[in-house]
Amino acid sequence: MRVAVITLSDSGYAGKRADLSGPAIQEMVEERGWTVVQTTLLPDGREMLERELRRLCDGGLADLILTTGGTGFSPTDVTPEATMAVVERPTPGIPEAMRYYSLQITPRAMLSRAAAGIRGRTLIVNLPGSPKAVRECLQAILPALDHGLEILKGTGGNCAR
């Protein structure tokens, strides 16, 4: 699977803070044998993210796009809105599973506004901004994503089996 990782962080984009979540994502997906085809660091905001998501999806450049950051309550946290503006088919079960898993660890998981959906043949999933939460959420969803991405790409079997 070809994976693009997008980190949303004003302070990271400005060079004031190191991105630790993007590399955590890269490490975990590469452990699965997947290929990270691109890593990008963007400031919080809709316009640049929407443009980048469309470019990656419409160009067929990635099977999976994992974003990190911008899923909380801050006025600049608009990653879910940008994601839902570009997806054609929502996949609400993915962020629901992440929140359920994370709620076993912290009650603050209910504050996540993460979203997920499909555009063309690309799945987009929003992850939290902290490296710890990224690892927890990916641990919860990666096993199921194998099958889902195979179905999306047309290389998997029947979901009914």
N, C-alpha and C. Protein backbone atom coordinates (compact mmCIF):
# COMPACT_ATOMS: atom_id res chain seq x y z
N MET A 1 0.84 -1.19 0.00
CA MET A 1 0.00 0.00 0.00
C MET A 1 0.88 1.24 0.00
N ARG A 2 0.43 2.22 -0.74
CA ARG A 2 1.13 3.51 -0.81
C ARG A 2 0.44 4.48 0.15
N VAL A 3 1.22 5.03 1.06
CA VAL A 3 0.68 5.88 2.13
C VAL A 3 1.29 7.27 2.05
N ALA A 4 0.44 8.28 2.16
CA ALA A 4 0.89 9.67 2.30
C ALA A 4 0.57 10.10 3.73
N VAL A 5 1.49 10.81 4.34
CA VAL A 5 1.32 11.30 5.71
C VAL A 5 1.34 12.83 5.68
N ILE A 6 0.30 13.43 6.25
CA ILE A 6 0.21 14.89 6.30
C ILE A 6 0.08 15.31 7.75
N THR A 7 1.01 16.12 8.21
CA THR A 7 0.96 16.68 9.56
C THR A 7 0.45 18.11 9.47
N LEU A 8 -0.54 18.45 10.31
CA LEU A 8 -1.09 19.80 10.38
C LEU A 8 -0.64 20.42 11.69
N SER A 9 0.15 21.47 11.59
CA SER A 9 0.65 22.13 12.79
C SER A 9 1.20 23.50 12.42
N ASP A 10 0.61 24.54 12.98
CA ASP A 10 1.13 25.89 12.74
C ASP A 10 2.55 26.02 13.27
N SER A 11 2.79 25.54 14.50
CA SER A 11 4.13 25.69 15.09
C SER A 11 5.15 24.79 14.38
N GLY A 12 4.74 23.63 13.96
CA GLY A 12 5.65 22.76 13.20
C GLY A 12 5.99 23.37 11.86
N TYR A 13 5.00 23.92 11.17
CA TYR A 13 5.20 24.54 9.87
C TYR A 13 6.14 25.74 9.98
N ALA A 14 6.03 26.46 11.10
CA ALA A 14 6.87 27.63 11.34
C ALA A 14 8.26 27.26 11.84
N GLY A 15 8.51 25.97 12.04
CA GLY A 15 9.82 25.52 12.51
C GLY A 15 10.04 25.69 13.99
N LYS A 16 8.97 25.91 14.75
CA LYS A 16 9.08 26.13 16.19
C LYS A 16 8.94 24.85 17.00
N ARG A 17 8.49 23.77 16.34
CA ARG A 17 8.30 22.50 17.04
C ARG A 17 8.55 21.36 16.06
N ALA A 18 9.23 20.34 16.56
CA ALA A 18 9.50 19.18 15.71
C ALA A 18 8.23 18.34 15.54
N ASP A 19 8.06 17.79 14.36
CA ASP A 19 6.94 16.89 14.10
C ASP A 19 7.33 15.50 14.60
N LEU A 20 6.66 15.01 15.62
CA LEU A 20 6.91 13.67 16.15
C LEU A 20 5.83 12.69 15.72
N SER A 21 4.65 13.20 15.39
CA SER A 21 3.54 12.33 15.02
C SER A 21 3.68 11.76 13.61
N GLY A 22 4.09 12.58 12.68
CA GLY A 22 4.30 12.10 11.31
C GLY A 22 5.28 10.93 11.26
N PRO A 23 6.46 11.07 11.89
CA PRO A 23 7.41 9.96 11.92
C PRO A 23 6.86 8.72 12.64
N ALA A 24 6.01 8.90 13.65
CA ALA A 24 5.40 7.76 14.34
C ALA A 24 4.49 7.00 13.38
N ILE A 25 3.72 7.74 12.59
CA ILE A 25 2.86 7.11 11.59
C ILE A 25 3.72 6.34 10.58
N GLN A 26 4.74 7.02 10.08
CA GLN A 26 5.61 6.39 9.07
C GLN A 26 6.20 5.09 9.60
N GLU A 27 6.68 5.11 10.82
CA GLU A 27 7.27 3.91 11.42
C GLU A 27 6.26 2.76 11.48
N MET A 28 5.05 3.06 11.92
CA MET A 28 4.05 2.00 12.08
C MET A 28 3.59 1.42 10.75
N VAL A 29 3.41 2.26 9.73
CA VAL A 29 2.95 1.72 8.45
C VAL A 29 4.07 0.98 7.73
N GLU A 30 5.29 1.44 7.90
CA GLU A 30 6.41 0.72 7.28
C GLU A 30 6.63 -0.63 7.95
N GLU A 31 6.33 -0.74 9.25
CA GLU A 31 6.40 -2.04 9.93
C GLU A 31 5.42 -3.04 9.32
N ARG A 32 4.35 -2.54 8.70
CA ARG A 32 3.36 -3.40 8.03
C ARG A 32 3.80 -3.76 6.63
N GLY A 33 4.90 -3.17 6.18
CA GLY A 33 5.37 -3.42 4.82
C GLY A 33 4.79 -2.46 3.80
N TRP A 34 4.12 -1.43 4.26
CA TRP A 34 3.56 -0.43 3.36
C TRP A 34 4.62 0.62 3.05
N THR A 35 4.46 1.33 1.95
CA THR A 35 5.42 2.32 1.49
C THR A 35 4.89 3.73 1.72
N VAL A 36 5.66 4.55 2.41
CA VAL A 36 5.30 5.96 2.58
C VAL A 36 5.84 6.69 1.35
N VAL A 37 4.91 7.19 0.55
CA VAL A 37 5.29 7.84 -0.71
C VAL A 37 5.49 9.34 -0.54
N GLN A 38 4.97 9.90 0.55
CA GLN A 38 5.12 11.33 0.76
C GLN A 38 4.84 11.67 2.22
N THR A 39 5.61 12.59 2.76
CA THR A 39 5.31 13.20 4.06
C THR A 39 5.25 14.71 3.83
N THR A 40 4.26 15.33 4.42
CA THR A 40 4.05 16.76 4.22
C THR A 40 3.72 17.40 5.55
N LEU A 41 4.24 18.59 5.78
CA LEU A 41 3.93 19.37 6.97
C LEU A 41 3.25 20.65 6.50
N LEU A 42 2.01 20.83 6.93
CA LEU A 42 1.22 22.00 6.53
C LEU A 42 0.77 22.77 7.77
N PRO A 43 0.50 24.07 7.61
CA PRO A 43 -0.10 24.81 8.73
C PRO A 43 -1.55 24.39 8.89
N ASP A 44 -2.10 24.63 10.08
CA ASP A 44 -3.52 24.39 10.28
C ASP A 44 -4.30 25.26 9.30
N GLY A 45 -5.38 24.72 8.78
CA GLY A 45 -6.20 25.48 7.85
C GLY A 45 -6.78 24.57 6.78
N ARG A 46 -7.86 25.00 6.20
CA ARG A 46 -8.59 24.16 5.25
C ARG A 46 -8.04 24.20 3.84
N GLU A 47 -7.76 25.38 3.33
CA GLU A 47 -7.48 25.53 1.91
C GLU A 47 -6.29 24.67 1.43
N MET A 48 -5.16 24.78 2.09
CA MET A 48 -3.97 24.01 1.67
C MET A 48 -4.20 22.51 1.84
N LEU A 49 -4.86 22.13 2.93
CA LEU A 49 -5.12 20.71 3.16
C LEU A 49 -6.08 20.16 2.11
N GLU A 50 -7.16 20.86 1.85
CA GLU A 50 -8.10 20.38 0.83
C GLU A 50 -7.40 20.22 -0.52
N ARG A 51 -6.59 21.19 -0.89
CA ARG A 51 -5.87 21.13 -2.16
C ARG A 51 -4.92 19.92 -2.20
N GLU A 52 -4.22 19.67 -1.11
CA GLU A 52 -3.28 18.54 -1.07
C GLU A 52 -4.01 17.20 -1.08
N LEU A 53 -5.11 17.10 -0.37
CA LEU A 53 -5.89 15.86 -0.38
C LEU A 53 -6.41 15.56 -1.79
N ARG A 54 -6.94 16.57 -2.45
CA ARG A 54 -7.44 16.38 -3.82
C ARG A 54 -6.30 15.95 -4.76
N ARG A 55 -5.16 16.59 -4.64
CA ARG A 55 -4.02 16.27 -5.51
C ARG A 55 -3.60 14.82 -5.34
N LEU A 56 -3.47 14.38 -4.09
CA LEU A 56 -3.05 13.00 -3.82
C LEU A 56 -4.08 11.98 -4.29
N CYS A 57 -5.36 12.27 -4.03
CA CYS A 57 -6.43 11.33 -4.41
C CYS A 57 -6.65 11.31 -5.92
N ASP A 58 -6.84 12.48 -6.49
CA ASP A 58 -7.20 12.56 -7.91
C ASP A 58 -6.04 12.15 -8.81
N GLY A 59 -4.83 12.30 -8.32
CA GLY A 59 -3.66 11.88 -9.08
C GLY A 59 -3.33 10.41 -8.89
N GLY A 60 -4.09 9.72 -8.04
CA GLY A 60 -3.83 8.31 -7.78
C GLY A 60 -2.47 8.07 -7.15
N LEU A 61 -2.01 9.02 -6.34
CA LEU A 61 -0.66 8.96 -5.78
C LEU A 61 -0.56 8.16 -4.49
N ALA A 62 -1.69 7.93 -3.81
CA ALA A 62 -1.67 7.21 -2.55
C ALA A 62 -2.95 6.39 -2.42
N ASP A 63 -2.82 5.22 -1.79
CA ASP A 63 -3.98 4.39 -1.47
C ASP A 63 -4.60 4.82 -0.15
N LEU A 64 -3.76 5.36 0.72
CA LEU A 64 -4.16 5.76 2.06
C LEU A 64 -3.48 7.07 2.40
N ILE A 65 -4.25 8.03 2.90
CA ILE A 65 -3.70 9.29 3.41
C ILE A 65 -4.02 9.34 4.89
N LEU A 66 -2.99 9.48 5.70
CA LEU A 66 -3.15 9.61 7.14
C LEU A 66 -2.74 11.02 7.53
N THR A 67 -3.69 11.77 8.09
CA THR A 67 -3.38 13.10 8.59
C THR A 67 -3.19 13.01 10.10
N THR A 68 -2.42 13.93 10.63
CA THR A 68 -2.24 14.02 12.08
C THR A 68 -2.32 15.48 12.50
N GLY A 69 -3.14 15.74 13.50
CA GLY A 69 -3.31 17.10 14.00
C GLY A 69 -4.58 17.75 13.48
N GLY A 70 -5.01 18.76 14.21
CA GLY A 70 -6.15 19.56 13.78
C GLY A 70 -7.51 18.92 14.01
N THR A 71 -7.59 17.97 14.96
CA THR A 71 -8.87 17.28 15.18
C THR A 71 -9.53 17.64 16.51
N GLY A 72 -8.97 18.63 17.19
CA GLY A 72 -9.49 18.99 18.50
C GLY A 72 -10.48 20.15 18.47
N PHE A 73 -10.54 20.89 19.55
CA PHE A 73 -11.51 21.96 19.75
C PHE A 73 -10.98 23.36 19.45
N SER A 74 -9.69 23.50 19.19
CA SER A 74 -9.13 24.81 18.91
C SER A 74 -9.80 25.41 17.67
N PRO A 75 -9.95 26.72 17.64
CA PRO A 75 -10.55 27.35 16.45
C PRO A 75 -9.79 27.04 15.15
N THR A 76 -8.49 26.73 15.25
CA THR A 76 -7.71 26.42 14.05
C THR A 76 -7.75 24.93 13.69
N ASP A 77 -8.39 24.10 14.51
CA ASP A 77 -8.49 22.67 14.25
C ASP A 77 -9.63 22.41 13.26
N VAL A 78 -9.28 22.36 11.98
CA VAL A 78 -10.29 22.20 10.93
C VAL A 78 -10.00 21.01 10.00
N THR A 79 -9.15 20.11 10.45
CA THR A 79 -8.82 18.95 9.61
C THR A 79 -10.06 18.13 9.25
N PRO A 80 -10.97 17.83 10.19
CA PRO A 80 -12.16 17.06 9.80
C PRO A 80 -13.02 17.78 8.76
N GLU A 81 -13.15 19.09 8.88
CA GLU A 81 -13.95 19.84 7.92
C GLU A 81 -13.31 19.80 6.52
N ALA A 82 -11.99 19.95 6.47
CA ALA A 82 -11.29 19.87 5.18
C ALA A 82 -11.43 18.48 4.58
N THR A 83 -11.32 17.47 5.42
CA THR A 83 -11.43 16.09 4.95
C THR A 83 -12.82 15.84 4.39
N MET A 84 -13.85 16.21 5.13
CA MET A 84 -15.22 15.94 4.68
C MET A 84 -15.59 16.76 3.45
N ALA A 85 -14.90 17.88 3.22
CA ALA A 85 -15.17 18.68 2.03
C ALA A 85 -14.68 17.98 0.76
N VAL A 86 -13.72 17.07 0.89
CA VAL A 86 -13.18 16.42 -0.31
C VAL A 86 -13.62 14.97 -0.46
N VAL A 87 -14.07 14.32 0.60
CA VAL A 87 -14.45 12.91 0.46
C VAL A 87 -15.77 12.76 -0.29
N GLU A 88 -15.90 11.63 -0.96
CA GLU A 88 -17.12 11.31 -1.70
C GLU A 88 -17.99 10.33 -0.91
N ARG A 89 -17.34 9.51 -0.08
CA ARG A 89 -18.07 8.53 0.73
C ARG A 89 -17.48 8.52 2.14
N PRO A 90 -18.23 8.96 3.14
CA PRO A 90 -17.73 8.93 4.52
C PRO A 90 -17.55 7.49 5.01
N THR A 91 -16.60 7.30 5.90
CA THR A 91 -16.38 6.00 6.56
C THR A 91 -16.35 6.23 8.07
N PRO A 92 -17.50 6.47 8.67
CA PRO A 92 -17.55 6.85 10.08
C PRO A 92 -17.08 5.77 11.05
N GLY A 93 -17.10 4.51 10.65
CA GLY A 93 -16.69 3.45 11.56
C GLY A 93 -15.23 3.54 11.98
N ILE A 94 -14.39 4.10 11.11
CA ILE A 94 -12.96 4.18 11.43
C ILE A 94 -12.72 5.14 12.60
N PRO A 95 -13.18 6.40 12.53
CA PRO A 95 -12.96 7.27 13.70
C PRO A 95 -13.75 6.82 14.93
N GLU A 96 -14.91 6.16 14.72
CA GLU A 96 -15.64 5.62 15.86
C GLU A 96 -14.80 4.56 16.57
N ALA A 97 -14.15 3.69 15.81
CA ALA A 97 -13.31 2.65 16.40
C ALA A 97 -12.12 3.26 17.14
N MET A 98 -11.53 4.29 16.56
CA MET A 98 -10.40 4.95 17.23
C MET A 98 -10.84 5.57 18.55
N ARG A 99 -11.98 6.25 18.53
CA ARG A 99 -12.46 6.87 19.76
C ARG A 99 -12.80 5.81 20.81
N TYR A 100 -13.45 4.73 20.39
CA TYR A 100 -13.80 3.66 21.33
C TYR A 100 -12.53 3.09 21.97
N TYR A 101 -11.55 2.78 21.14
CA TYR A 101 -10.29 2.21 21.65
C TYR A 101 -9.63 3.20 22.61
N SER A 102 -9.55 4.45 22.20
CA SER A 102 -8.88 5.46 23.03
C SER A 102 -9.63 5.77 24.32
N LEU A 103 -10.95 5.62 24.31
CA LEU A 103 -11.72 5.86 25.52
C LEU A 103 -11.38 4.86 26.62
N GLN A 104 -10.84 3.72 26.25
CA GLN A 104 -10.40 2.74 27.25
C GLN A 104 -9.15 3.23 27.97
N ILE A 105 -8.49 4.25 27.38
CA ILE A 105 -7.24 4.78 27.92
C ILE A 105 -7.45 6.13 28.60
N THR A 106 -8.25 7.00 27.97
CA THR A 106 -8.48 8.33 28.51
C THR A 106 -9.87 8.84 28.15
N PRO A 107 -10.56 9.49 29.09
CA PRO A 107 -11.87 10.06 28.77
C PRO A 107 -11.78 11.21 27.77
N ARG A 108 -10.60 11.77 27.60
CA ARG A 108 -10.44 12.87 26.65
C ARG A 108 -10.60 12.43 25.20
N ALA A 109 -10.60 11.13 24.96
CA ALA A 109 -10.78 10.62 23.59
C ALA A 109 -12.10 11.08 22.99
N MET A 110 -13.09 11.31 23.84
CA MET A 110 -14.39 11.75 23.33
C MET A 110 -14.33 13.14 22.73
N LEU A 111 -13.25 13.85 22.95
CA LEU A 111 -13.10 15.20 22.41
C LEU A 111 -12.54 15.20 20.98
N SER A 112 -12.16 14.04 20.47
CA SER A 112 -11.65 13.95 19.11
C SER A 112 -12.77 14.15 18.11
N ARG A 113 -12.48 14.96 17.11
CA ARG A 113 -13.44 15.19 16.03
C ARG A 113 -12.97 14.54 14.74
N ALA A 114 -12.05 13.59 14.83
CA ALA A 114 -11.49 12.95 13.65
C ALA A 114 -12.57 12.43 12.71
N ALA A 115 -12.26 12.46 11.42
CA ALA A 115 -13.16 11.98 10.38
C ALA A 115 -12.38 11.06 9.45
N ALA A 116 -13.10 10.36 8.59
CA ALA A 116 -12.47 9.51 7.58
C ALA A 116 -13.43 9.36 6.41
N GLY A 117 -12.87 9.11 5.26
CA GLY A 117 -13.70 8.91 4.08
C GLY A 117 -12.89 8.53 2.86
N ILE A 118 -13.61 8.24 1.79
CA ILE A 118 -13.02 7.77 0.55
C ILE A 118 -13.24 8.82 -0.53
N ARG A 119 -12.19 9.08 -1.28
CA ARG A 119 -12.27 9.89 -2.50
C ARG A 119 -11.63 9.06 -3.60
N GLY A 120 -12.41 8.72 -4.60
CA GLY A 120 -11.90 7.85 -5.65
C GLY A 120 -11.53 6.51 -5.07
N ARG A 121 -10.27 6.13 -5.21
CA ARG A 121 -9.77 4.87 -4.66
C ARG A 121 -8.77 5.11 -3.53
N THR A 122 -8.94 6.24 -2.85
CA THR A 122 -8.05 6.60 -1.75
C THR A 122 -8.86 6.78 -0.47
N LEU A 123 -8.36 6.19 0.61
CA LEU A 123 -8.95 6.35 1.93
C LEU A 123 -8.19 7.43 2.68
N ILE A 124 -8.91 8.35 3.29
CA ILE A 124 -8.33 9.42 4.10
C ILE A 124 -8.78 9.20 5.54
N VAL A 125 -7.82 9.21 6.47
CA VAL A 125 -8.13 9.02 7.89
C VAL A 125 -7.43 10.11 8.69
N ASN A 126 -8.19 10.82 9.52
CA ASN A 126 -7.62 11.81 10.44
C ASN A 126 -7.20 11.14 11.73
N LEU A 127 -5.99 11.41 12.16
CA LEU A 127 -5.47 10.93 13.44
C LEU A 127 -5.23 12.12 14.36
N PRO A 128 -5.17 11.87 15.67
CA PRO A 128 -4.87 12.97 16.61
C PRO A 128 -3.47 13.54 16.36
N GLY A 129 -3.15 14.59 17.09
CA GLY A 129 -1.87 15.25 16.91
C GLY A 129 -0.73 14.72 17.76
N SER A 130 -1.02 14.03 18.85
CA SER A 130 0.07 13.58 19.73
C SER A 130 0.60 12.23 19.27
N PRO A 131 1.92 12.02 19.37
CA PRO A 131 2.50 10.73 18.96
C PRO A 131 1.90 9.55 19.73
N LYS A 132 1.63 9.72 21.01
CA LYS A 132 1.05 8.64 21.81
C LYS A 132 -0.34 8.26 21.28
N ALA A 133 -1.17 9.27 21.04
CA ALA A 133 -2.52 9.01 20.54
C ALA A 133 -2.49 8.45 19.11
N VAL A 134 -1.54 8.90 18.31
CA VAL A 134 -1.38 8.36 16.95
C VAL A 134 -1.13 6.87 17.01
N ARG A 135 -0.20 6.47 17.86
CA ARG A 135 0.14 5.04 17.98
C ARG A 135 -1.07 4.23 18.46
N GLU A 136 -1.78 4.75 19.45
CA GLU A 136 -2.96 4.05 19.97
C GLU A 136 -4.02 3.88 18.88
N CYS A 137 -4.30 4.95 18.17
CA CYS A 137 -5.34 4.89 17.14
C CYS A 137 -4.94 3.97 15.99
N LEU A 138 -3.70 4.06 15.56
CA LEU A 138 -3.27 3.17 14.48
C LEU A 138 -3.30 1.71 14.91
N GLN A 139 -2.94 1.46 16.15
CA GLN A 139 -3.01 0.09 16.67
C GLN A 139 -4.44 -0.44 16.57
N ALA A 140 -5.40 0.42 16.78
CA ALA A 140 -6.80 0.01 16.74
C ALA A 140 -7.30 -0.27 15.32
N ILE A 141 -6.82 0.49 14.32
CA ILE A 141 -7.43 0.40 12.99
C ILE A 141 -6.60 -0.31 11.93
N LEU A 142 -5.29 -0.36 12.08
CA LEU A 142 -4.47 -0.91 11.00
C LEU A 142 -4.85 -2.33 10.59
N PRO A 143 -5.15 -3.23 11.52
CA PRO A 143 -5.50 -4.59 11.07
C PRO A 143 -6.71 -4.63 10.12
N ALA A 144 -7.71 -3.82 10.38
CA ALA A 144 -8.89 -3.80 9.51
C ALA A 144 -8.62 -3.05 8.21
N LEU A 145 -7.71 -2.08 8.25
CA LEU A 145 -7.43 -1.31 7.04
C LEU A 145 -6.83 -2.17 5.94
N ASP A 146 -6.06 -3.19 6.31
CA ASP A 146 -5.52 -4.11 5.29
C ASP A 146 -6.64 -4.57 4.36
N HIS A 147 -7.68 -5.12 4.94
CA HIS A 147 -8.80 -5.66 4.16
C HIS A 147 -9.55 -4.55 3.43
N GLY A 148 -9.85 -3.47 4.12
CA GLY A 148 -10.59 -2.38 3.51
C GLY A 148 -9.88 -1.79 2.31
N LEU A 149 -8.57 -1.62 2.41
CA LEU A 149 -7.81 -1.05 1.29
C LEU A 149 -7.74 -2.02 0.12
N GLU A 150 -7.67 -3.31 0.41
CA GLU A 150 -7.68 -4.30 -0.68
C GLU A 150 -9.01 -4.24 -1.43
N ILE A 151 -10.10 -4.13 -0.71
CA ILE A 151 -11.42 -4.02 -1.33
C ILE A 151 -11.49 -2.73 -2.16
N LEU A 152 -11.04 -1.62 -1.59
CA LEU A 152 -11.08 -0.34 -2.26
C LEU A 152 -10.28 -0.36 -3.56
N LYS A 153 -9.13 -1.02 -3.53
CA LYS A 153 -8.28 -1.10 -4.72
C LYS A 153 -8.75 -2.17 -5.72
N GLY A 154 -9.70 -3.00 -5.28
CA GLY A 154 -10.18 -4.05 -6.16
C GLY A 154 -9.31 -5.30 -6.19
N THR A 155 -8.44 -5.41 -5.18
CA THR A 155 -7.54 -6.58 -5.13
C THR A 155 -7.92 -7.56 -4.04
N GLY A 156 -8.93 -7.23 -3.24
CA GLY A 156 -9.31 -8.06 -2.11
C GLY A 156 -10.46 -8.97 -2.46
N GLY A 157 -10.75 -9.79 -1.52
CA GLY A 157 -11.83 -10.76 -1.69
C GLY A 157 -13.18 -10.18 -1.33
N ASN A 158 -14.08 -11.07 -1.05
CA ASN A 158 -15.46 -10.74 -0.74
C ASN A 158 -15.60 -10.38 0.75
N CYS A 159 -16.24 -9.28 1.04
CA CYS A 159 -16.45 -8.87 2.44
C CYS A 159 -17.39 -9.81 3.19
N ALA A 160 -18.19 -10.56 2.47
CA ALA A 160 -19.20 -11.41 3.11
C ALA A 160 -18.60 -12.69 3.68
N ARG A 161 -17.37 -12.99 3.34
CA ARG A 161 -16.81 -14.25 3.83
C ARG A 161 -16.35 -14.14 5.26
